[in-house]
């Protein structure tokens, strides 16, 4: 029996989900949302000052709830890492595969490669004569910062994963996907619009677009979000049409995020060519508090694959 904290990072705040794990059963204890220190930018959310701020908040919660044995599942945004698909022939030997991956990553990362932890995922897409393997590179100092946070909490780091996989796990845990369909997920943040494409329920590609702060309900910026979602939807459909995937040539589309409100959702859903759904509430935790802000945090709690130590 063990307490597990799921942690995910958003534009201006972080999310904390607390579950109690007993064998295969995970019981939701709480969902919390906390803001970063003032003037903390999204790209610098794990700077030393804000890291201390985050650890103090979580440690206070841990102590108030008399938690001793604690595991941490940490989800970081995909743009905190570098991702690359490496194409190799299907009959490639392990030695040639290793050589090909090394060559691709040396060209992709250049002289900075030594600064990254390289992860070969199980995410593979098979074509007629070759397959694409998804590689991930995460800065070692970012991993070290997360390890420092974990140690301050007197906890064990169970999982470190990208939010694209946290969303994938949320979809699968809530039975929102199957292998014959493709999924498109929009994440509306306060400063970013992310687009995640899943083929048959498995992550394939993502886009990130910068947007202006939506807290003031800027009408022009909301219209721009509609334009961006339409454009990304069209590009993803074109991408699927060009590839020999054995799935339906269509997209089941979801939307979520801490920047999403009813006004934005209504504008997009009323003007979108296909049906677009708000990400359904989590059926496993069965919590009335579950909403868009906690999709990734719940997803990292349910993660079983694609993680890194």
C-alpha atoms as a PDB file:
ATOM      1  CA  UNK A   1       0.000   0.000   0.000  1.00  0.00           C
ATOM      2  CA  UNK A   2       1.406   3.365  -1.025  1.00  0.00           C
ATOM      3  CA  UNK A   3       0.485   6.987  -1.635  1.00  0.00           C
ATOM      4  CA  UNK A   4       1.217   8.267  -5.133  1.00  0.00           C
ATOM      5  CA  UNK A   5       1.346  11.882  -6.271  1.00  0.00           C
ATOM      6  CA  UNK A   6       0.840  12.654  -9.941  1.00  0.00           C
ATOM      7  CA  UNK A   7       2.382  15.983 -10.946  1.00  0.00           C
ATOM      8  CA  UNK A   8       1.978  17.818 -14.245  1.00  0.00           C
ATOM      9  CA  UNK A   9       3.016  21.270 -15.453  1.00  0.00           C
ATOM     10  CA  UNK A  10       0.768  23.826 -17.176  1.00  0.00           C
ATOM     11  CA  UNK A  11       1.476  27.343 -18.474  1.00  0.00           C
ATOM     12  CA  UNK A  12       1.043  29.196 -15.184  1.00  0.00           C
ATOM     13  CA  UNK A  13       0.410  26.479 -12.621  1.00  0.00           C
ATOM     14  CA  UNK A  14       1.029  22.867 -11.709  1.00  0.00           C
ATOM     15  CA  UNK A  15      -1.440  20.113 -10.927  1.00  0.00           C
ATOM     16  CA  UNK A  16      -1.206  17.607  -8.090  1.00  0.00           C
ATOM     17  CA  UNK A  17      -3.277  14.424  -7.944  1.00  0.00           C
ATOM     18  CA  UNK A  18      -3.081  12.219  -4.861  1.00  0.00           C
ATOM     19  CA  UNK A  19      -4.121   8.561  -5.059  1.00  0.00           C
ATOM     20  CA  UNK A  20      -3.760   5.653  -2.676  1.00  0.00           C
ATOM     21  CA  UNK A  21      -2.499   2.504  -4.380  1.00  0.00           C
ATOM     22  CA  UNK A  22      -3.369  -0.928  -3.017  1.00  0.00           C
ATOM     23  CA  UNK A  23      -2.286  -3.714  -5.398  1.00  0.00           C
ATOM     24  CA  UNK A  24      -3.965  -2.811  -8.730  1.00  0.00           C
ATOM     25  CA  UNK A  25      -6.555  -0.502  -7.150  1.00  0.00           C
ATOM     26  CA  UNK A  26      -5.905   3.246  -7.082  1.00  0.00           C
ATOM     27  CA  UNK A  27      -8.253   5.353  -4.974  1.00  0.00           C
ATOM     28  CA  UNK A  28      -8.398   9.087  -5.642  1.00  0.00           C
ATOM     29  CA  UNK A  29      -7.756  11.223  -2.564  1.00  0.00           C
ATOM     30  CA  UNK A  30      -7.598  14.755  -3.995  1.00  0.00           C
ATOM     31  CA  UNK A  31      -7.027  16.997  -7.014  1.00  0.00           C
ATOM     32  CA  UNK A  32      -5.170  20.261  -6.429  1.00  0.00           C
ATOM     33  CA  UNK A  33      -4.094  23.151  -8.653  1.00  0.00           C
ATOM     34  CA  UNK A  34      -1.331  25.565  -7.557  1.00  0.00           C
ATOM     35  CA  UNK A  35       0.143  28.647  -9.248  1.00  0.00           C
ATOM     36  CA  UNK A  36       3.846  29.170  -9.874  1.00  0.00           C
ATOM     37  CA  UNK A  37       5.744  32.048  -8.340  1.00  0.00           C
ATOM     38  CA  UNK A  38       4.892  35.428  -9.948  1.00  0.00           C
ATOM     39  CA  UNK A  39       6.766  36.132 -13.211  1.00  0.00           C
ATOM     40  CA  UNK A  40       7.707  32.472 -13.659  1.00  0.00           C
ATOM     41  CA  UNK A  41       7.614  31.587 -17.346  1.00  0.00           C
ATOM     42  CA  UNK A  42       6.349  28.239 -18.587  1.00  0.00           C
ATOM     43  CA  UNK A  43       9.703  27.330 -20.148  1.00  0.00           C
ATOM     44  CA  UNK A  44      11.433  28.024 -16.844  1.00  0.00           C
ATOM     45  CA  UNK A  45       8.933  26.376 -14.496  1.00  0.00           C
ATOM     46  CA  UNK A  46      11.649  24.202 -12.934  1.00  0.00           C
ATOM     47  CA  UNK A  47      14.080  27.006 -12.114  1.00  0.00           C
ATOM     48  CA  UNK A  48      15.574  26.734  -8.594  1.00  0.00           C
ATOM     49  CA  UNK A  49      13.264  29.324  -6.992  1.00  0.00           C
ATOM     50  CA  UNK A  50      10.067  27.915  -8.438  1.00  0.00           C
ATOM     51  CA  UNK A  51      11.268  24.371  -7.757  1.00  0.00           C
ATOM     52  CA  UNK A  52      11.591  25.275  -4.078  1.00  0.00           C
ATOM     53  CA  UNK A  53       8.134  26.862  -4.220  1.00  0.00           C
ATOM     54  CA  UNK A  54       6.649  23.676  -5.717  1.00  0.00           C
ATOM     55  CA  UNK A  55       8.433  21.396  -3.238  1.00  0.00           C
ATOM     56  CA  UNK A  56       7.295  23.517  -0.257  1.00  0.00           C
ATOM     57  CA  UNK A  57       3.644  23.293  -1.369  1.00  0.00           C
ATOM     58  CA  UNK A  58       3.766  19.539  -1.941  1.00  0.00           C
ATOM     59  CA  UNK A  59       5.745  18.867   1.247  1.00  0.00           C
ATOM     60  CA  UNK A  60       3.188  20.857   3.233  1.00  0.00           C
ATOM     61  CA  UNK A  61       0.381  18.768   1.706  1.00  0.00           C
ATOM     62  CA  UNK A  62       2.306  15.558   2.403  1.00  0.00           C
ATOM     63  CA  UNK A  63       2.939  16.457   6.057  1.00  0.00           C
ATOM     64  CA  UNK A  64      -0.630  17.650   6.658  1.00  0.00           C
ATOM     65  CA  UNK A  65      -1.901  14.300   5.396  1.00  0.00           C
ATOM     66  CA  UNK A  66       0.632  12.303   7.449  1.00  0.00           C
ATOM     67  CA  UNK A  67       2.065  10.518   4.411  1.00  0.00           C
ATOM     68  CA  UNK A  68       5.234   8.491   4.921  1.00  0.00           C
ATOM     69  CA  UNK A  69       5.759   6.163   1.914  1.00  0.00           C
ATOM     70  CA  UNK A  70       5.335   8.257  -1.247  1.00  0.00           C
ATOM     71  CA  UNK A  71       5.849   7.658  -4.953  1.00  0.00           C
ATOM     72  CA  UNK A  72       5.972  10.415  -7.587  1.00  0.00           C
ATOM     73  CA  UNK A  73       4.687  10.113 -11.171  1.00  0.00           C
ATOM     74  CA  UNK A  74       5.859  13.212 -13.059  1.00  0.00           C
ATOM     75  CA  UNK A  75       4.500  14.365 -16.427  1.00  0.00           C
ATOM     76  CA  UNK A  76       6.454  17.034 -18.321  1.00  0.00           C
ATOM     77  CA  UNK A  77       5.319  18.927 -21.458  1.00  0.00           C
ATOM     78  CA  UNK A  78       6.490  17.473 -24.766  1.00  0.00           C
ATOM     79  CA  UNK A  79       8.219  20.758 -25.626  1.00  0.00           C
ATOM     80  CA  UNK A  80      10.452  20.293 -22.559  1.00  0.00           C
ATOM     81  CA  UNK A  81      12.078  17.491 -24.560  1.00  0.00           C
ATOM     82  CA  UNK A  82      13.116  16.761 -28.142  1.00  0.00           C
ATOM     83  CA  UNK A  83      11.436  13.977 -30.105  1.00  0.00           C
ATOM     84  CA  UNK A  84      12.455  12.375 -33.375  1.00  0.00           C
ATOM     85  CA  UNK A  85      11.187   9.451 -35.423  1.00  0.00           C
ATOM     86  CA  UNK A  86      13.990   7.300 -36.817  1.00  0.00           C
ATOM     87  CA  UNK A  87      13.157   5.244 -39.926  1.00  0.00           C
ATOM     88  CA  UNK A  88      14.848   1.831 -40.257  1.00  0.00           C
ATOM     89  CA  UNK A  89      14.261  -1.232 -42.489  1.00  0.00           C
ATOM     90  CA  UNK A  90      12.117  -3.922 -40.899  1.00  0.00           C
ATOM     91  CA  UNK A  91      14.877  -6.547 -41.053  1.00  0.00           C
ATOM     92  CA  UNK A  92      17.566  -4.338 -39.513  1.00  0.00           C
ATOM     93  CA  UNK A  93      20.025  -6.115 -37.191  1.00  0.00           C
ATOM     94  CA  UNK A  94      20.498  -4.739 -33.641  1.00  0.00           C
ATOM     95  CA  UNK A  95      23.990  -3.448 -34.544  1.00  0.00           C
ATOM     96  CA  UNK A  96      22.786  -1.592 -37.644  1.00  0.00           C
ATOM     97  CA  UNK A  97      19.763  -0.281 -35.733  1.00  0.00           C
ATOM     98  CA  UNK A  98      22.020   1.145 -33.035  1.00  0.00           C
ATOM     99  CA  UNK A  99      24.287   2.713 -35.648  1.00  0.00           C
ATOM    100  CA  UNK A 100      21.349   4.270 -37.507  1.00  0.00           C
ATOM    101  CA  UNK A 101      19.874   5.740 -34.329  1.00  0.00           C
ATOM    102  CA  UNK A 102      23.252   7.152 -33.309  1.00  0.00           C
ATOM    103  CA  UNK A 103      23.736   8.759 -36.724  1.00  0.00           C
ATOM    104  CA  UNK A 104      20.252  10.303 -36.708  1.00  0.00           C
ATOM    105  CA  UNK A 105      20.596  11.671 -33.178  1.00  0.00           C
ATOM    106  CA  UNK A 106      24.090  13.055 -33.811  1.00  0.00           C
ATOM    107  CA  UNK A 107      22.695  15.027 -36.735  1.00  0.00           C
ATOM    108  CA  UNK A 108      19.608  16.087 -34.797  1.00  0.00           C
ATOM    109  CA  UNK A 109      21.258  17.116 -31.511  1.00  0.00           C
ATOM    110  CA  UNK A 110      24.765  17.905 -32.717  1.00  0.00           C
ATOM    111  CA  UNK A 111      27.428  18.740 -30.149  1.00  0.00           C
ATOM    112  CA  UNK A 112      24.813  19.079 -27.395  1.00  0.00           C
ATOM    113  CA  UNK A 113      23.927  15.374 -27.497  1.00  0.00           C
ATOM    114  CA  UNK A 114      25.930  14.661 -24.333  1.00  0.00           C
ATOM    115  CA  UNK A 115      23.599  17.020 -22.435  1.00  0.00           C
ATOM    116  CA  UNK A 116      20.616  14.731 -23.040  1.00  0.00           C
ATOM    117  CA  UNK A 117      19.325  11.427 -21.727  1.00  0.00           C
ATOM    118  CA  UNK A 118      18.324   9.446 -24.808  1.00  0.00           C
ATOM    119  CA  UNK A 119      15.277   7.173 -24.612  1.00  0.00           C
ATOM    120  CA  UNK A 120      14.282   4.597 -27.206  1.00  0.00           C
ATOM    121  CA  UNK A 121      10.531   4.141 -26.810  1.00  0.00           C
ATOM    122  CA  UNK A 122       8.284   1.242 -27.714  1.00  0.00           C
ATOM    123  CA  UNK A 123       6.311   3.623 -29.915  1.00  0.00           C
ATOM    124  CA  UNK A 124       6.806   2.247 -33.431  1.00  0.00           C
ATOM    125  CA  UNK A 125       4.870   2.717 -36.660  1.00  0.00           C
ATOM    126  CA  UNK A 126       5.262  -0.037 -39.260  1.00  0.00           C
ATOM    127  CA  UNK A 127       5.092   0.772 -42.966  1.00  0.00           C
ATOM    128  CA  UNK A 128       5.528  -1.595 -45.937  1.00  0.00           C
ATOM    129  CA  UNK A 129       9.304  -2.118 -45.773  1.00  0.00           C
ATOM    130  CA  UNK A 130      10.405  -0.046 -42.798  1.00  0.00           C
ATOM    131  CA  UNK A 131       9.317   1.210 -39.401  1.00  0.00           C
ATOM    132  CA  UNK A 132       9.621   4.473 -37.513  1.00  0.00           C
ATOM    133  CA  UNK A 133      10.884   4.379 -33.927  1.00  0.00           C
ATOM    134  CA  UNK A 134      10.148   7.324 -31.671  1.00  0.00           C
ATOM    135  CA  UNK A 135      13.247   8.593 -29.839  1.00  0.00           C
ATOM    136  CA  UNK A 136      13.114  11.074 -26.964  1.00  0.00           C
ATOM    137  CA  UNK A 137      15.898  13.319 -25.671  1.00  0.00           C
ATOM    138  CA  UNK A 138      15.487  15.012 -22.282  1.00  0.00           C
ATOM    139  CA  UNK A 139      18.025  17.430 -20.831  1.00  0.00           C
ATOM    140  CA  UNK A 140      19.956  15.761 -18.005  1.00  0.00           C
ATOM    141  CA  UNK A 141      19.780  18.897 -15.861  1.00  0.00           C
ATOM    142  CA  UNK A 142      15.969  18.874 -16.119  1.00  0.00           C
ATOM    143  CA  UNK A 143      15.918  15.261 -14.918  1.00  0.00           C
ATOM    144  CA  UNK A 144      18.288  16.219 -12.119  1.00  0.00           C
ATOM    145  CA  UNK A 145      15.937  19.048 -11.050  1.00  0.00           C
ATOM    146  CA  UNK A 146      13.057  16.578 -10.836  1.00  0.00           C
ATOM    147  CA  UNK A 147      15.244  14.179  -8.829  1.00  0.00           C
ATOM    148  CA  UNK A 148      16.100  17.042  -6.461  1.00  0.00           C
ATOM    149  CA  UNK A 149      12.394  17.779  -6.020  1.00  0.00           C
ATOM    150  CA  UNK A 150      11.689  14.106  -5.323  1.00  0.00           C
ATOM    151  CA  UNK A 151      14.455  13.924  -2.706  1.00  0.00           C
ATOM    152  CA  UNK A 152      13.177  17.072  -0.976  1.00  0.00           C
ATOM    153  CA  UNK A 153       9.818  15.352  -0.671  1.00  0.00           C
ATOM    154  CA  UNK A 154      11.378  12.208   0.787  1.00  0.00           C
ATOM    155  CA  UNK A 155       9.772  10.291  -2.067  1.00  0.00           C
ATOM    156  CA  UNK A 156      10.636   7.837  -4.833  1.00  0.00           C
ATOM    157  CA  UNK A 157      10.378   8.804  -8.514  1.00  0.00           C
ATOM    158  CA  UNK A 158       8.231   6.054 -10.016  1.00  0.00           C
ATOM    159  CA  UNK A 159       7.730   7.522 -13.483  1.00  0.00           C
ATOM    160  CA  UNK A 160       8.940  10.412 -15.607  1.00  0.00           C
ATOM    161  CA  UNK A 161       6.991  10.741 -18.837  1.00  0.00           C
ATOM    162  CA  UNK A 162       5.961  13.264 -21.486  1.00  0.00           C
ATOM    163  CA  UNK A 163       2.445  14.678 -21.382  1.00  0.00           C
ATOM    164  CA  UNK A 164       1.717  13.242 -24.846  1.00  0.00           C
ATOM    165  CA  UNK A 165       1.850   9.790 -23.230  1.00  0.00           C
ATOM    166  CA  UNK A 166      -0.077  10.943 -20.159  1.00  0.00           C
ATOM    167  CA  UNK A 167      -2.905  12.016 -22.479  1.00  0.00           C
ATOM    168  CA  UNK A 168      -2.607   8.712 -24.376  1.00  0.00           C
ATOM    169  CA  UNK A 169      -2.933   6.764 -21.137  1.00  0.00           C
ATOM    170  CA  UNK A 170      -5.910   8.858 -20.049  1.00  0.00           C
ATOM    171  CA  UNK A 171      -7.653   8.093 -23.350  1.00  0.00           C
ATOM    172  CA  UNK A 172      -6.936   4.379 -23.063  1.00  0.00           C
ATOM    173  CA  UNK A 173      -7.765   4.098 -19.351  1.00  0.00           C
ATOM    174  CA  UNK A 174     -11.149   5.690 -20.027  1.00  0.00           C
ATOM    175  CA  UNK A 175     -11.763   3.521 -23.125  1.00  0.00           C
ATOM    176  CA  UNK A 176     -11.938   6.502 -25.475  1.00  0.00           C
ATOM    177  CA  UNK A 177      -9.879   4.887 -28.255  1.00  0.00           C
ATOM    178  CA  UNK A 178      -9.654   1.754 -30.332  1.00  0.00           C
ATOM    179  CA  UNK A 179      -7.145   0.513 -32.898  1.00  0.00           C
ATOM    180  CA  UNK A 180      -9.359   1.280 -35.898  1.00  0.00           C
ATOM    181  CA  UNK A 181      -9.669   5.002 -35.146  1.00  0.00           C
ATOM    182  CA  UNK A 182      -7.399   8.039 -35.087  1.00  0.00           C
ATOM    183  CA  UNK A 183      -7.572  10.673 -32.381  1.00  0.00           C
ATOM    184  CA  UNK A 184      -6.798  14.386 -32.444  1.00  0.00           C
ATOM    185  CA  UNK A 185      -6.437  16.156 -29.108  1.00  0.00           C
ATOM    186  CA  UNK A 186      -6.236  19.925 -28.668  1.00  0.00           C
ATOM    187  CA  UNK A 187      -4.850  21.341 -25.434  1.00  0.00           C
ATOM    188  CA  UNK A 188      -5.789  24.990 -24.860  1.00  0.00           C
ATOM    189  CA  UNK A 189      -3.354  26.544 -22.407  1.00  0.00           C
ATOM    190  CA  UNK A 190      -3.094  30.176 -21.452  1.00  0.00           C
ATOM    191  CA  UNK A 191      -0.086  30.787 -23.700  1.00  0.00           C
ATOM    192  CA  UNK A 192       0.081  27.679 -25.922  1.00  0.00           C
ATOM    193  CA  UNK A 193      -2.207  25.656 -28.141  1.00  0.00           C
ATOM    194  CA  UNK A 194      -0.939  22.085 -28.424  1.00  0.00           C
ATOM    195  CA  UNK A 195      -2.135  19.556 -30.982  1.00  0.00           C
ATOM    196  CA  UNK A 196      -1.554  15.833 -30.413  1.00  0.00           C
ATOM    197  CA  UNK A 197      -2.222  13.228 -33.107  1.00  0.00           C
ATOM    198  CA  UNK A 198      -2.780   9.572 -32.148  1.00  0.00           C
ATOM    199  CA  UNK A 199      -2.935   6.769 -34.706  1.00  0.00           C
ATOM    200  CA  UNK A 200      -5.107   3.903 -33.496  1.00  0.00           C
ATOM    201  CA  UNK A 201      -4.728   5.287 -29.981  1.00  0.00           C
ATOM    202  CA  UNK A 202      -0.918   5.526 -30.105  1.00  0.00           C
ATOM    203  CA  UNK A 203       0.930   8.841 -30.179  1.00  0.00           C
ATOM    204  CA  UNK A 204       2.274   9.888 -33.568  1.00  0.00           C
ATOM    205  CA  UNK A 205       2.905  13.628 -33.880  1.00  0.00           C
ATOM    206  CA  UNK A 206       2.382  17.007 -32.185  1.00  0.00           C
ATOM    207  CA  UNK A 207       2.370  20.748 -32.888  1.00  0.00           C
ATOM    208  CA  UNK A 208       2.748  23.685 -30.500  1.00  0.00           C
ATOM    209  CA  UNK A 209       1.464  27.164 -31.347  1.00  0.00           C
ATOM    210  CA  UNK A 210       2.023  30.247 -29.186  1.00  0.00           C
ATOM    211  CA  UNK A 211      -1.085  32.191 -28.213  1.00  0.00           C
ATOM    212  CA  UNK A 212      -1.658  35.286 -26.111  1.00  0.00           C
ATOM    213  CA  UNK A 213      -2.974  35.207 -22.569  1.00  0.00           C
ATOM    214  CA  UNK A 214      -6.641  34.182 -22.668  1.00  0.00           C
ATOM    215  CA  UNK A 215      -7.489  35.346 -19.151  1.00  0.00           C
ATOM    216  CA  UNK A 216      -8.991  38.580 -20.519  1.00  0.00           C
ATOM    217  CA  UNK A 217     -11.175  36.720 -23.069  1.00  0.00           C
ATOM    218  CA  UNK A 218      -9.570  38.549 -25.963  1.00  0.00           C
ATOM    219  CA  UNK A 219     -12.063  38.106 -28.808  1.00  0.00           C
ATOM    220  CA  UNK A 220      -9.483  38.319 -31.595  1.00  0.00           C
ATOM    221  CA  UNK A 221      -7.231  35.757 -29.952  1.00  0.00           C
ATOM    222  CA  UNK A 222     -10.135  33.370 -29.447  1.00  0.00           C
ATOM    223  CA  UNK A 223     -10.918  33.669 -33.176  1.00  0.00           C
ATOM    224  CA  UNK A 224      -7.252  32.919 -33.872  1.00  0.00           C
ATOM    225  CA  UNK A 225      -7.525  29.734 -31.794  1.00  0.00           C
ATOM    226  CA  UNK A 226     -10.438  28.669 -34.007  1.00  0.00           C
ATOM    227  CA  UNK A 227      -8.294  29.317 -37.096  1.00  0.00           C
ATOM    228  CA  UNK A 228      -5.373  27.347 -35.633  1.00  0.00           C
ATOM    229  CA  UNK A 229      -7.511  24.344 -34.640  1.00  0.00           C
ATOM    230  CA  UNK A 230      -9.028  24.218 -38.130  1.00  0.00           C
ATOM    231  CA  UNK A 231      -5.585  24.442 -39.740  1.00  0.00           C
ATOM    232  CA  UNK A 232      -4.073  21.725 -37.524  1.00  0.00           C
ATOM    233  CA  UNK A 233      -7.092  19.492 -38.073  1.00  0.00           C
ATOM    234  CA  UNK A 234      -6.678  19.832 -41.848  1.00  0.00           C
ATOM    235  CA  UNK A 235      -2.926  19.132 -41.670  1.00  0.00           C
ATOM    236  CA  UNK A 236      -3.495  15.998 -39.588  1.00  0.00           C
ATOM    237  CA  UNK A 237      -6.114  14.701 -42.015  1.00  0.00           C
ATOM    238  CA  UNK A 238      -3.676  15.290 -44.894  1.00  0.00           C
ATOM    239  CA  UNK A 239      -0.953  13.466 -42.957  1.00  0.00           C
ATOM    240  CA  UNK A 240      -3.182  10.439 -42.417  1.00  0.00           C
ATOM    241  CA  UNK A 241      -4.286  10.412 -46.066  1.00  0.00           C
ATOM    242  CA  UNK A 242      -0.657  10.184 -47.218  1.00  0.00           C
ATOM    243  CA  UNK A 243       0.195   7.176 -45.063  1.00  0.00           C
ATOM    244  CA  UNK A 244      -0.787   3.502 -45.315  1.00  0.00           C
ATOM    245  CA  UNK A 245      -2.262   3.236 -41.814  1.00  0.00           C
ATOM    246  CA  UNK A 246      -4.839   0.524 -41.375  1.00  0.00           C
ATOM    247  CA  UNK A 247      -7.271   2.851 -39.656  1.00  0.00           C
ATOM    248  CA  UNK A 248     -10.240   4.920 -40.682  1.00  0.00           C
ATOM    249  CA  UNK A 249      -9.214   8.030 -42.619  1.00  0.00           C
ATOM    250  CA  UNK A 250     -10.922  10.313 -40.121  1.00  0.00           C
ATOM    251  CA  UNK A 251     -10.310  11.843 -36.712  1.00  0.00           C
ATOM    252  CA  UNK A 252     -12.121  11.638 -33.412  1.00  0.00           C
ATOM    253  CA  UNK A 253     -11.388  15.032 -31.864  1.00  0.00           C
ATOM    254  CA  UNK A 254     -11.137  16.040 -28.195  1.00  0.00           C
ATOM    255  CA  UNK A 255     -10.247  19.317 -26.498  1.00  0.00           C
ATOM    256  CA  UNK A 256      -9.107  20.168 -22.954  1.00  0.00           C
ATOM    257  CA  UNK A 257      -6.814  22.537 -21.065  1.00  0.00           C
ATOM    258  CA  UNK A 258      -6.594  25.120 -18.306  1.00  0.00           C
ATOM    259  CA  UNK A 259      -7.216  27.889 -20.880  1.00  0.00           C
ATOM    260  CA  UNK A 260     -10.407  26.285 -22.194  1.00  0.00           C
ATOM    261  CA  UNK A 261     -13.680  27.955 -21.234  1.00  0.00           C
ATOM    262  CA  UNK A 262     -17.267  27.701 -22.441  1.00  0.00           C
ATOM    263  CA  UNK A 263     -16.897  30.657 -24.811  1.00  0.00           C
ATOM    264  CA  UNK A 264     -13.890  29.153 -26.587  1.00  0.00           C
ATOM    265  CA  UNK A 265     -15.434  25.705 -26.727  1.00  0.00           C
ATOM    266  CA  UNK A 266     -18.737  26.996 -28.166  1.00  0.00           C
ATOM    267  CA  UNK A 267     -16.986  29.021 -30.866  1.00  0.00           C
ATOM    268  CA  UNK A 268     -14.852  26.057 -31.930  1.00  0.00           C
ATOM    269  CA  UNK A 269     -17.609  23.432 -31.748  1.00  0.00           C
ATOM    270  CA  UNK A 270     -20.082  25.659 -33.648  1.00  0.00           C
ATOM    271  CA  UNK A 271     -17.595  26.316 -36.461  1.00  0.00           C
ATOM    272  CA  UNK A 272     -15.677  23.053 -36.701  1.00  0.00           C
ATOM    273  CA  UNK A 273     -16.097  20.769 -39.698  1.00  0.00           C
ATOM    274  CA  UNK A 274     -16.182  17.634 -37.515  1.00  0.00           C
ATOM    275  CA  UNK A 275     -17.612  16.961 -34.093  1.00  0.00           C
ATOM    276  CA  UNK A 276     -15.275  18.106 -31.331  1.00  0.00           C
ATOM    277  CA  UNK A 277     -15.790  16.912 -27.762  1.00  0.00           C
ATOM    278  CA  UNK A 278     -14.587  18.208 -24.443  1.00  0.00           C
ATOM    279  CA  UNK A 279     -12.367  15.525 -22.964  1.00  0.00           C
ATOM    280  CA  UNK A 280     -14.798  13.354 -20.961  1.00  0.00           C
ATOM    281  CA  UNK A 281     -14.501  13.318 -17.177  1.00  0.00           C
ATOM    282  CA  UNK A 282     -12.376  10.555 -15.713  1.00  0.00           C
ATOM    283  CA  UNK A 283     -14.470   7.426 -15.163  1.00  0.00           C
ATOM    284  CA  UNK A 284     -11.902   5.617 -13.028  1.00  0.00           C
ATOM    285  CA  UNK A 285     -11.537   8.163 -10.232  1.00  0.00           C
ATOM    286  CA  UNK A 286     -15.279   8.989 -10.494  1.00  0.00           C
ATOM    287  CA  UNK A 287     -14.624  12.423  -9.020  1.00  0.00           C
ATOM    288  CA  UNK A 288     -16.982  15.375  -9.547  1.00  0.00           C
ATOM    289  CA  UNK A 289     -13.894  17.604  -9.380  1.00  0.00           C
ATOM    290  CA  UNK A 290     -12.315  16.052 -12.497  1.00  0.00           C
ATOM    291  CA  UNK A 291     -12.012  18.577 -15.307  1.00  0.00           C
ATOM    292  CA  UNK A 292      -9.740  19.735 -18.096  1.00  0.00           C
ATOM    293  CA  UNK A 293      -6.941  20.856 -15.802  1.00  0.00           C
ATOM    294  CA  UNK A 294      -6.211  17.320 -14.550  1.00  0.00           C
ATOM    295  CA  UNK A 295      -6.225  15.219 -17.737  1.00  0.00           C
ATOM    296  CA  UNK A 296      -2.427  14.828 -17.834  1.00  0.00           C
ATOM    297  CA  UNK A 297      -2.066  14.397 -14.077  1.00  0.00           C
ATOM    298  CA  UNK A 298      -4.613  11.594 -14.005  1.00  0.00           C
ATOM    299  CA  UNK A 299      -3.037  10.147 -17.145  1.00  0.00           C
ATOM    300  CA  UNK A 300       0.399   9.884 -15.523  1.00  0.00           C
ATOM    301  CA  UNK A 301      -1.211   8.088 -12.576  1.00  0.00           C
ATOM    302  CA  UNK A 302      -2.584   5.466 -14.975  1.00  0.00           C
ATOM    303  CA  UNK A 303       0.604   5.200 -17.053  1.00  0.00           C
ATOM    304  CA  UNK A 304       1.991   1.748 -17.779  1.00  0.00           C
ATOM    305  CA  UNK A 305       4.266   2.372 -20.782  1.00  0.00           C
ATOM    306  CA  UNK A 306       6.640   4.794 -22.512  1.00  0.00           C
ATOM    307  CA  UNK A 307       8.094   6.055 -19.230  1.00  0.00           C
ATOM    308  CA  UNK A 308      11.683   6.771 -18.355  1.00  0.00           C
ATOM    309  CA  UNK A 309      13.677   6.455 -15.164  1.00  0.00           C
END
